[in-house]
Protein backbone atom coordinates (compact mmCIF):
# COMPACT_ATOMS: atom_id res chain seq x y z
CA MET A 1 -17.66 -93.96 13.70
CA PRO A 2 -20.40 -92.63 11.43
CA THR A 3 -21.49 -94.88 8.49
CA ASN A 4 -21.67 -93.70 4.71
CA ILE A 5 -24.86 -94.91 2.85
CA LEU A 6 -23.59 -95.33 -0.29
CA MET A 7 -25.79 -95.18 -3.76
CA PRO A 8 -26.55 -98.61 -4.44
CA ALA A 9 -25.95 -100.72 -7.78
CA LEU A 10 -29.16 -101.98 -8.48
CA SER A 11 -28.09 -104.03 -11.63
CA PRO A 12 -24.87 -105.27 -12.85
CA THR A 13 -24.86 -102.50 -15.56
CA MET A 14 -25.93 -99.74 -13.60
CA GLU A 15 -23.40 -96.81 -12.85
CA LYS A 16 -25.57 -93.68 -12.26
CA GLY A 17 -29.07 -93.23 -11.32
CA LYS A 18 -31.50 -90.50 -9.79
CA LEU A 19 -32.16 -90.22 -6.24
CA ALA A 20 -35.77 -89.81 -6.78
CA LYS A 21 -37.13 -89.53 -3.03
CA TRP A 22 -36.28 -89.66 0.39
CA LEU A 23 -38.49 -91.56 2.67
CA LYS A 24 -36.42 -90.81 5.71
CA LYS A 25 -35.14 -87.63 7.11
CA GLU A 26 -32.31 -86.33 9.13
CA GLY A 27 -32.65 -87.08 12.89
CA ASP A 28 -34.80 -90.39 11.84
CA THR A 29 -33.94 -93.59 13.46
CA VAL A 30 -33.97 -96.59 10.83
CA LYS A 31 -33.87 -100.43 11.63
CA SER A 32 -32.19 -102.91 9.10
CA GLY A 33 -34.77 -103.66 6.46
CA ASP A 34 -36.49 -100.03 6.66
CA ILE A 35 -36.75 -98.20 3.09
CA LEU A 36 -34.62 -95.41 3.14
CA ALA A 37 -34.98 -94.07 -0.51
CA GLU A 38 -36.37 -94.53 -3.97
CA ILE A 39 -33.80 -94.70 -6.92
CA GLU A 40 -34.42 -94.41 -10.29
CA THR A 41 -32.32 -96.17 -12.68
CA ASP A 42 -32.59 -96.10 -16.33
CA LYS A 43 -36.10 -97.70 -16.75
CA ALA A 44 -37.08 -98.90 -13.15
CA THR A 45 -37.87 -97.07 -9.88
CA MET A 46 -36.54 -99.29 -6.73
CA GLU A 47 -36.76 -99.04 -3.06
CA VAL A 48 -33.34 -98.79 -1.34
CA GLU A 49 -33.63 -100.75 2.17
CA ALA A 50 -31.02 -100.04 5.09
CA VAL A 51 -28.77 -102.67 5.89
CA ASP A 52 -27.61 -101.11 9.62
CA GLU A 53 -29.38 -99.67 12.58
CA GLY A 54 -28.91 -96.31 13.37
CA ILE A 55 -30.23 -92.37 13.20
CA VAL A 56 -29.96 -90.54 9.91
CA GLY A 57 -27.43 -87.74 10.69
CA LYS A 58 -26.93 -86.15 7.37
CA ILE A 59 -28.51 -86.45 4.19
CA LEU A 60 -25.57 -85.53 1.27
CA ILE A 61 -27.75 -85.89 -1.91
CA ALA A 62 -31.16 -84.22 -1.89
CA GLU A 63 -33.90 -86.06 -3.72
CA GLY A 64 -34.30 -85.19 -7.47
CA THR A 65 -30.56 -85.33 -7.95
CA ASP A 66 -29.92 -86.97 -11.14
CA GLU A 67 -26.59 -88.60 -12.30
CA VAL A 68 -25.40 -90.08 -9.08
CA ALA A 69 -22.73 -92.37 -9.56
CA VAL A 70 -22.75 -95.58 -8.14
CA ASN A 71 -20.98 -95.85 -4.48
CA THR A 72 -20.98 -92.04 -4.11
CA PRO A 73 -22.28 -91.22 -0.38
CA ILE A 74 -25.53 -90.28 -0.35
CA ALA A 75 -26.17 -89.80 3.55
CA VAL A 76 -24.81 -90.44 6.93
CA LEU A 77 -25.86 -92.87 9.48
CA LEU A 78 -24.77 -92.71 13.15
CA GLY A 79 -24.48 -95.67 15.51
CA GLU A 80 -25.14 -96.03 18.77
CA GLY A 81 -23.64 -93.03 21.17
CA GLU A 82 -22.80 -90.98 18.23
CA GLN A 83 -23.53 -87.34 17.33
CA ALA A 84 -24.00 -85.49 14.33
CA SER A 85 -20.81 -83.37 15.15
CA ASP A 86 -19.10 -86.56 14.88
CA ILE A 87 -19.61 -86.47 11.12
CA LYS A 88 -16.64 -85.09 9.03
CA ALA A 89 -16.79 -81.33 8.50
CA GLY A 90 -15.90 -82.03 4.83
CA ALA A 91 -19.31 -84.27 4.10
CA ALA A 92 -20.87 -82.65 1.22
CA PRO A 93 -24.36 -81.17 2.02
CA ALA A 94 -27.44 -81.98 0.16
CA SER A 95 -27.52 -80.11 -3.07
CA ALA A 96 -30.64 -79.01 -5.33
CA ALA A 97 -30.77 -81.35 -8.37
CA PRO A 98 -28.63 -80.18 -11.11
CA LYS A 99 -30.19 -78.03 -14.10
CA PRO A 100 -31.31 -80.35 -17.09
CA ALA A 101 -29.00 -80.39 -19.99
CA ALA A 102 -31.79 -79.80 -22.30
CA ALA A 103 -32.93 -76.56 -20.39
CA ALA A 104 -29.46 -75.10 -20.34
CA LEU A 105 -29.37 -75.68 -24.14
CA ALA A 106 -32.95 -73.94 -24.52
CA ALA A 107 -31.38 -71.02 -22.78
CA ALA A 108 -28.01 -70.92 -24.27
CA PRO A 109 -28.10 -72.89 -27.54
CA ALA A 110 -24.34 -71.75 -28.14
CA LYS A 111 -22.99 -73.12 -25.35
CA ALA A 112 -24.51 -76.63 -25.82
CA GLU A 113 -22.17 -79.71 -25.74
CA ALA A 114 -21.16 -80.69 -28.91
CA ALA A 115 -21.22 -84.64 -27.75
CA ALA A 116 -24.33 -84.92 -25.28
CA ALA A 117 -25.46 -88.47 -26.17
CA PRO A 118 -23.85 -90.93 -23.35
CA ALA A 119 -21.41 -93.14 -24.66
CA ALA A 120 -22.19 -96.61 -25.46
CA LYS A 121 -21.15 -99.37 -22.60
CA PRO A 122 -18.27 -101.53 -24.18
CA GLN A 123 -18.90 -105.09 -25.24
CA ALA A 124 -18.90 -107.80 -22.27
CA ALA A 125 -16.11 -109.54 -24.22
CA ALA A 126 -13.83 -106.30 -24.94
CA PRO A 127 -10.28 -106.90 -23.39
CA ALA A 128 -10.17 -106.40 -19.90
CA ALA A 129 -7.08 -103.83 -20.41
CA ALA A 130 -9.08 -101.57 -22.87
CA LYS A 131 -12.02 -101.27 -20.61
CA ALA A 132 -9.79 -100.23 -17.67
CA ASN A 133 -8.38 -97.43 -19.99
CA GLY A 134 -11.75 -96.30 -20.98
CA HIS A 135 -11.62 -97.60 -24.63
CA ALA A 136 -12.70 -100.34 -26.62
CA GLY A 137 -13.12 -101.36 -30.03
CA GLY A 138 -11.31 -97.80 -31.04
CA ARG A 139 -14.20 -96.05 -29.07
CA VAL A 140 -13.26 -93.59 -26.14
CA PHE A 141 -15.76 -93.74 -22.86
CA ALA A 142 -15.95 -90.63 -21.13
CA SER A 143 -18.40 -88.53 -19.64
CA PRO A 144 -20.05 -85.41 -21.37
CA LEU A 145 -18.34 -83.09 -19.08
CA ALA A 146 -15.21 -84.37 -19.48
CA ARG A 147 -15.34 -84.28 -23.08
CA ARG A 148 -16.20 -80.60 -23.16
CA ILE A 149 -13.23 -79.71 -20.72
CA ALA A 150 -10.66 -81.80 -22.91
CA LYS A 151 -11.87 -80.17 -26.13
CA ASP A 152 -11.28 -76.55 -24.29
CA LYS A 153 -7.72 -77.63 -23.35
CA GLY A 154 -6.74 -79.59 -26.48
CA ILE A 155 -6.58 -82.93 -24.74
CA ASP A 156 -6.88 -86.06 -26.64
CA LEU A 157 -9.22 -88.65 -24.43
CA ALA A 158 -7.53 -91.31 -26.10
CA ALA A 159 -4.22 -90.82 -24.19
CA LEU A 160 -6.09 -90.36 -21.01
CA GLN A 161 -6.38 -93.22 -18.27
CA GLY A 162 -10.15 -93.36 -17.07
CA SER A 163 -10.71 -93.52 -13.38
CA GLY A 164 -14.61 -93.62 -13.53
CA PRO A 165 -16.69 -96.59 -13.73
CA HIS A 166 -15.67 -99.36 -16.23
CA GLY A 167 -12.62 -97.27 -17.03
CA ARG A 168 -14.79 -94.45 -17.86
CA ILE A 169 -13.02 -91.05 -18.32
CA VAL A 170 -14.56 -88.20 -15.74
CA LEU A 171 -13.67 -84.74 -14.99
CA LYS A 172 -10.84 -85.31 -12.52
CA ASP A 173 -8.92 -87.26 -15.21
CA VAL A 174 -8.87 -84.49 -17.76
CA GLU A 175 -8.27 -81.83 -15.02
CA SER A 176 -5.41 -83.80 -13.98
CA ALA A 177 -3.90 -83.98 -17.74
CA LYS A 178 -1.59 -81.56 -19.22
CA PRO A 179 -3.22 -78.97 -21.88
CA GLY A 180 -2.55 -80.19 -25.34
CA THR A 181 -1.76 -83.90 -24.21
CA LYS A 182 -2.19 -86.14 -27.22
CA ALA A 183 -2.27 -89.90 -28.15
CA PRO A 184 0.50 -91.72 -29.96
CA ALA A 185 -0.18 -92.33 -33.53
CA ALA A 186 -2.42 -95.25 -34.17
CA ALA A 187 -1.07 -98.32 -35.69
CA ALA A 188 -1.98 -99.21 -39.20
CA GLY A 189 -5.08 -101.11 -39.41
CA ALA A 190 -6.10 -100.18 -36.16
CA PRO A 191 -9.93 -99.56 -35.85
CA THR A 192 -10.77 -95.81 -36.19
CA GLN A 193 -13.64 -94.08 -33.85
CA LEU A 194 -16.88 -94.03 -35.27
CA ALA A 195 -18.06 -90.33 -36.42
CA ALA A 196 -19.70 -88.24 -33.69
CA PRO A 197 -23.07 -87.35 -34.09
CA MET A 198 -24.26 -83.97 -35.27
CA ALA A 199 -23.71 -81.12 -32.49
CA ASP A 200 -26.56 -80.13 -30.62
CA GLU A 201 -25.54 -76.55 -31.33
CA ALA A 202 -25.32 -77.20 -35.19
CA ILE A 203 -29.15 -78.53 -35.07
CA VAL A 204 -30.48 -75.90 -33.01
CA LYS A 205 -29.05 -73.46 -35.40
CA LEU A 206 -31.12 -74.86 -38.04
CA PHE A 207 -34.41 -73.92 -36.70
CA GLU A 208 -35.60 -70.53 -36.24
CA PRO A 209 -35.73 -69.38 -32.33
CA GLY A 210 -38.87 -69.83 -30.84
CA SER A 211 -40.38 -72.27 -33.29
CA PHE A 212 -39.62 -75.07 -30.81
CA GLU A 213 -39.30 -76.27 -27.16
CA VAL A 214 -36.57 -78.40 -25.49
CA VAL A 215 -37.99 -81.53 -23.86
CA PRO A 216 -35.40 -82.86 -21.77
CA HIS A 217 -34.33 -86.56 -22.07
CA ASP A 218 -35.18 -89.11 -19.27
CA GLY A 219 -32.75 -91.60 -18.37
CA MET A 220 -34.96 -94.38 -20.10
CA ARG A 221 -34.74 -92.29 -23.51
CA LYS A 222 -31.01 -91.94 -23.07
CA VAL A 223 -30.40 -95.59 -22.76
CA ILE A 224 -32.56 -96.60 -25.49
CA ALA A 225 -31.06 -94.14 -27.83
CA SER A 226 -27.32 -95.30 -26.72
CA ARG A 227 -28.24 -98.92 -26.92
CA LEU A 228 -29.77 -98.63 -30.52
CA MET A 229 -27.02 -96.57 -31.67
CA GLN A 230 -24.74 -99.27 -30.34
CA ALA A 231 -27.01 -102.05 -32.16
CA LYS A 232 -26.86 -100.62 -35.83
CA GLN A 233 -23.06 -99.61 -35.68
CA THR A 234 -21.71 -102.81 -34.14
CA ILE A 235 -24.02 -105.59 -35.23
CA PRO A 236 -24.32 -106.84 -39.00
CA HIS A 237 -27.93 -107.17 -39.00
CA PHE A 238 -29.70 -109.04 -42.17
CA TYR A 239 -33.38 -109.61 -42.14
CA LEU A 240 -35.56 -112.85 -43.24
CA SER A 241 -39.20 -112.66 -43.78
CA ILE A 242 -42.23 -115.29 -44.06
CA SER A 243 -45.96 -115.29 -44.16
CA CYS A 244 -47.63 -117.51 -41.48
CA ASP A 245 -51.37 -118.99 -41.95
CA LEU A 246 -53.40 -118.21 -38.69
CA GLU A 247 -56.33 -120.25 -39.54
CA ASN A 248 -55.61 -122.96 -37.11
CA LEU A 249 -54.18 -121.04 -34.80
CA LEU A 250 -57.38 -118.94 -34.20
CA GLY A 251 -59.44 -121.97 -34.03
CA VAL A 252 -57.28 -123.52 -31.40
CA ARG A 253 -56.97 -120.00 -29.65
CA GLU A 254 -60.98 -119.59 -29.55
CA ARG A 255 -61.43 -123.30 -28.47
CA LEU A 256 -58.83 -122.87 -25.59
CA ASN A 257 -60.17 -119.44 -24.41
CA ALA A 258 -63.93 -121.00 -24.19
CA HIS A 259 -62.48 -123.81 -21.85
CA ALA A 260 -60.41 -121.44 -19.30
CA PRO A 261 -61.40 -121.93 -15.86
CA ARG A 262 -63.72 -119.36 -14.31
CA ASP A 263 -64.07 -117.82 -11.09
CA LYS A 264 -67.57 -117.42 -8.96
CA GLU A 265 -68.10 -114.24 -10.89
CA LYS A 266 -67.54 -115.92 -14.23
CA ASN A 267 -64.34 -114.38 -15.24
CA PRO A 268 -61.82 -116.51 -16.99
CA ALA A 269 -58.70 -117.71 -15.42
CA TRP A 270 -56.66 -116.96 -18.53
CA LYS A 271 -57.35 -115.34 -22.11
CA LEU A 272 -54.82 -116.37 -24.56
CA SER A 273 -53.76 -113.96 -27.19
CA VAL A 274 -51.91 -114.46 -30.68
CA ASN A 275 -48.62 -112.93 -28.90
CA ASP A 276 -48.82 -115.82 -26.40
CA PHE A 277 -48.69 -118.22 -29.38
CA VAL A 278 -45.80 -116.38 -30.77
CA ILE A 279 -43.63 -116.42 -27.69
CA LYS A 280 -44.29 -120.00 -27.14
CA ALA A 281 -43.30 -120.67 -30.86
CA LEU A 282 -40.20 -118.85 -30.87
CA ALA A 283 -38.89 -120.54 -27.96
CA LEU A 284 -39.27 -123.81 -28.91
CA ALA A 285 -38.05 -123.30 -32.38
CA LEU A 286 -35.04 -122.06 -30.83
CA GLN A 287 -34.86 -125.43 -29.08
CA ARG A 288 -35.54 -127.23 -32.42
CA VAL A 289 -32.56 -124.96 -33.96
CA PRO A 290 -30.46 -124.61 -31.15
CA ASP A 291 -27.49 -123.33 -32.90
CA ALA A 292 -29.51 -120.17 -33.34
CA ASN A 293 -30.02 -119.99 -29.91
CA ALA A 294 -26.90 -117.91 -29.46
CA THR A 295 -24.84 -114.78 -28.51
CA TRP A 296 -21.98 -113.50 -29.76
CA THR A 297 -18.78 -112.43 -28.04
CA GLU A 298 -15.04 -111.71 -29.09
CA GLY A 299 -14.02 -114.38 -26.84
CA GLY A 300 -16.48 -117.21 -27.97
CA MET A 301 -19.99 -118.25 -28.92
CA LEU A 302 -22.68 -118.51 -26.20
CA LYS A 303 -24.83 -121.38 -26.76
CA HIS A 304 -28.08 -121.11 -24.54
CA LYS A 305 -29.68 -124.30 -22.90
CA HIS A 306 -33.05 -122.28 -22.60
CA SER A 307 -35.19 -120.04 -24.49
CA ASP A 308 -35.69 -116.77 -22.76
CA VAL A 309 -37.96 -114.93 -24.79
CA GLY A 310 -38.01 -110.75 -24.44
CA VAL A 311 -41.15 -109.28 -25.25
CA ALA A 312 -41.21 -105.64 -26.27
CA VAL A 313 -43.84 -103.58 -24.07
CA ALA A 314 -44.50 -99.87 -24.93
CA ILE A 315 -44.70 -97.41 -22.18
CA GLU A 316 -45.04 -93.81 -21.98
CA GLY A 317 -41.98 -92.28 -23.26
CA GLY A 318 -40.04 -95.69 -24.51
CA LEU A 319 -40.34 -99.32 -23.91
CA PHE A 320 -39.33 -102.33 -21.85
CA THR A 321 -38.38 -105.94 -22.96
CA PRO A 322 -39.30 -108.06 -19.94
CA ILE A 323 -38.47 -111.54 -20.29
CA ILE A 324 -40.25 -115.10 -20.22
CA ARG A 325 -37.57 -117.21 -18.52
CA LYS A 326 -37.41 -120.86 -20.08
CA ALA A 327 -40.62 -120.31 -22.06
CA GLU A 328 -40.00 -123.66 -24.08
CA THR A 329 -41.13 -125.33 -20.50
CA LYS A 330 -43.99 -123.00 -19.71
CA THR A 331 -47.84 -123.82 -20.94
CA LEU A 332 -49.72 -121.08 -23.10
CA SER A 333 -51.70 -120.28 -20.23
CA ALA A 334 -48.73 -119.63 -17.92
CA ILE A 335 -46.85 -117.68 -20.36
CA SER A 336 -50.33 -115.65 -20.82
CA LEU A 337 -50.47 -115.09 -17.16
CA GLU A 338 -46.54 -114.13 -16.66
CA MET A 339 -47.20 -111.56 -19.72
CA LYS A 340 -50.24 -109.89 -18.46
CA ASP A 341 -47.89 -109.20 -14.86
CA LEU A 342 -44.80 -108.15 -16.42
CA ALA A 343 -46.27 -105.78 -18.90
CA ALA A 344 -48.60 -104.26 -16.20
CA ARG A 345 -45.82 -103.66 -13.94
CA ALA A 346 -43.68 -102.53 -17.12
CA ARG A 347 -46.15 -99.70 -17.67
CA LYS A 348 -45.76 -98.57 -14.04
CA ARG A 349 -42.12 -98.77 -14.12
CA ARG A 350 -41.75 -101.30 -11.27
CA LEU A 351 -39.66 -104.21 -12.87
CA ALA A 352 -36.68 -105.37 -11.13
CA PRO A 353 -33.68 -105.24 -13.40
CA GLN A 354 -33.41 -109.11 -13.78
CA GLU A 355 -36.93 -109.39 -15.39
CA TYR A 356 -35.91 -107.12 -18.07
CA GLN A 357 -32.15 -107.69 -18.64
CA GLY A 358 -30.39 -110.65 -20.54
CA GLY A 359 -32.61 -112.86 -22.41
CA THR A 360 -31.75 -114.90 -25.95
CA THR A 361 -34.16 -113.38 -28.53
CA ALA A 362 -36.95 -110.65 -28.17
CA VAL A 363 -40.42 -110.35 -30.01
CA SER A 364 -41.74 -107.08 -31.21
CA ASN A 365 -45.46 -107.09 -32.25
CA LEU A 366 -46.95 -103.93 -33.65
CA GLY A 367 -49.65 -106.10 -35.35
CA MET A 368 -52.21 -104.54 -33.01
CA TYR A 369 -51.47 -101.28 -34.70
CA GLY A 370 -52.21 -102.35 -38.20
CA ILE A 371 -48.95 -102.56 -39.12
CA GLU A 372 -48.35 -105.45 -41.91
CA ASN A 373 -44.58 -105.67 -41.97
CA PHE A 374 -41.76 -104.31 -40.35
CA SER A 375 -37.95 -105.01 -39.37
CA ALA A 376 -36.80 -104.51 -35.62
CA VAL A 377 -33.56 -103.49 -34.31
CA ILE A 378 -31.57 -106.29 -32.55
CA ASN A 379 -31.48 -105.71 -28.69
CA PRO A 380 -27.80 -106.65 -27.46
CA PRO A 381 -26.93 -109.08 -26.15
CA HIS A 382 -29.70 -110.99 -28.54
CA ALA A 383 -28.59 -112.51 -31.54
CA THR A 384 -32.13 -112.35 -33.04
CA ILE A 385 -35.34 -110.36 -33.03
CA LEU A 386 -38.77 -111.31 -34.38
CA ALA A 387 -40.87 -108.57 -35.65
CA VAL A 388 -44.75 -109.59 -35.97
CA GLY A 389 -47.25 -107.83 -38.28
CA ALA A 390 -51.03 -107.92 -38.07
CA GLY A 391 -53.18 -110.95 -39.25
CA GLU A 392 -54.96 -110.04 -42.31
CA LYS A 393 -57.62 -111.62 -44.67
CA LYS A 394 -55.81 -112.32 -47.90
CA PRO A 395 -56.01 -114.88 -50.87
CA ALA A 396 -54.06 -117.70 -50.68
CA VAL A 397 -53.43 -120.96 -52.70
CA VAL A 398 -54.77 -124.26 -50.71
CA GLY A 399 -54.29 -127.15 -52.94
CA ASP A 400 -55.70 -126.01 -56.19
CA LYS A 401 -58.37 -123.45 -54.71
CA ILE A 402 -57.65 -119.86 -54.13
CA GLU A 403 -59.08 -119.26 -50.35
CA ILE A 404 -59.42 -115.99 -48.40
CA ARG A 405 -57.22 -117.01 -45.00
CA THR A 406 -55.82 -115.10 -42.18
CA GLN A 407 -51.96 -114.34 -42.79
CA MET A 408 -49.61 -112.65 -40.51
CA MET A 409 -46.08 -111.44 -42.02
CA CYS A 410 -42.95 -112.14 -39.57
CA THR A 411 -39.44 -110.55 -40.05
CA LEU A 412 -36.45 -112.06 -38.18
CA SER A 413 -33.64 -109.63 -37.58
CA VAL A 414 -30.41 -111.37 -37.16
CA ASP A 415 -26.91 -110.78 -35.81
CA HIS A 416 -24.80 -112.25 -39.01
CA ARG A 417 -21.90 -112.62 -36.51
CA ALA A 418 -23.47 -115.59 -34.55
CA VAL A 419 -26.25 -116.81 -37.33
CA ASP A 420 -25.57 -117.29 -40.64
CA GLY A 421 -28.67 -116.65 -43.54
CA ALA A 422 -29.19 -120.64 -43.87
CA LEU A 423 -29.34 -121.16 -39.97
CA GLY A 424 -31.82 -117.93 -39.80
CA ALA A 425 -33.98 -119.68 -42.64
CA GLN A 426 -34.24 -122.75 -40.67
CA LEU A 427 -35.09 -120.95 -37.37
CA LEU A 428 -38.00 -119.00 -39.13
CA GLN A 429 -39.17 -122.04 -41.07
CA ALA A 430 -39.74 -123.97 -37.60
CA PHE A 431 -41.67 -121.07 -36.15
CA LYS A 432 -43.67 -121.29 -39.16
CA VAL A 433 -44.53 -125.04 -38.61
CA LEU A 434 -45.48 -124.40 -34.84
CA ILE A 435 -47.47 -121.24 -35.76
CA GLU A 436 -49.59 -122.99 -38.49
CA GLU A 437 -49.84 -126.53 -36.71
CA PRO A 438 -50.09 -124.97 -32.92
CA ALA A 439 -51.10 -128.41 -31.41
CA LEU A 440 -47.53 -129.35 -31.98
CA MET A 441 -46.67 -126.72 -29.14
CA MET A 442 -48.62 -128.95 -26.66
CA ALA A 443 -46.69 -132.26 -27.80
C-alpha cells in the first residue's frame, strides 16, 4: 500500500518546522538518498532524503507551509504496481501556507491573540508525569490556538491532558473538553504560573493606527524570545567582572600570525584573532576549575569532562551559537579555522543542529563594536557565559610605575544553582591568568 512520507524530526528538540521547498513533484520517480524537500527548523535549513524508492503520488503539504508538526504526513510515496487511485480519499491535499499571525494582527488588531508567544520548552529534568500532562514547574504548555479557544470556552488549561509533542496541549484537547472545565485548587505552597506577557491587542492600542508596520516573527526570532525569557525567569543569574591585560597576548598573536604557513599565492593558512585565544583560555580554565564545568538539572548536577565552548555569531534577524567541541584539546590554529567555517555556515543558516545545540559554556564578544563592558544572558543548558568587551588602551599600575596598556573587560554570567560565587571567581581568575600569560595555553 502507499507509504506516507512524514515530517522528520531534524533535532531532538524539534516539534514543528516549515516546509520551505519541494525538490520533487507529483509523478516524479525517487530513489533512496534522493533529496525530496528543504525543511526550515528554528535556525537552519536542511535537506530531507528519501528512504524508500517509488513515485511521488501526492504532495499533502504545500511548500511555504509553516508550523508543520513532526510526524505529520507531508506526501505519499507509491510503490511498484501502485496507482494514485490507491491513495485513500481522505488524504489531505496540499494547501497554501497559512497567513502569518503578524499579518492578521495588522489587519485586525482587536482579534490578536493575547498569548501569541510560544510556550517555553520544559526543562529536561522535569518529572515525566508533568511533561506528559503538558505541565512543568507550574506552567502549562499549549499551542496559541488552543489557548485562544480555551479562553473563549472558559476552560482552564491546567485541567487538560495534552496529546501534542512532549505533552503540549493542542486544539483537539480543548475541543474535547466540556466548556467551563476547571482544574482543582492548587495545594498550599505549590508553584504559581508566571504572569503572562502584555497582550498583543493591548500593545497595539497604545500606538496610533498607521504609525507602525507589523513585521512577522520568523522561527528563529520566536525561539530566541522563548529561550531568553526562559533563561531570565528560571536561571538565577549573578555576574562577575575582571579586567585582563592583553599586551602579552597581542605580541604572541602577532608573532604566530607572522609565522603561519603560506600557500603559493602567499595567503596564510590561518590568522588568529583575540577571540580564538578567548575560546581556548575559557576551555582550559574550565579544566582547571572542573566543578564550574557543570549543568544544573533537577535530578542532579551534570559534571562535564570536556569544554564544549559555544560562540555567539550574529546573523541577519538573530544569532547562532555554534560550538567548538573539546576546545581544550585543540590548537589555536585549529580553533581559528573551525570557528571561521562555523561562522560562515551560520550566516547562511547551513549548520546542522548538532553543531549549535548543547555545549557547556559560551562566549559572547562585542568588542569589535567598541562595547567596553556588558552582561550576557545564559543560554540553557549552560551554567556560564563570558561577555567580552573591547581591548582599550588605559593607564595601569605596573610595579611602581603607571603605564598605558591594552586592557579588556570580561564579565562572567553564572547560574547560581550550579556555580557559587567563589567557584565562579576561581574560574574567571583562571581565565585571566591564561589570557595574560598565553604561553600557558601551549604548554
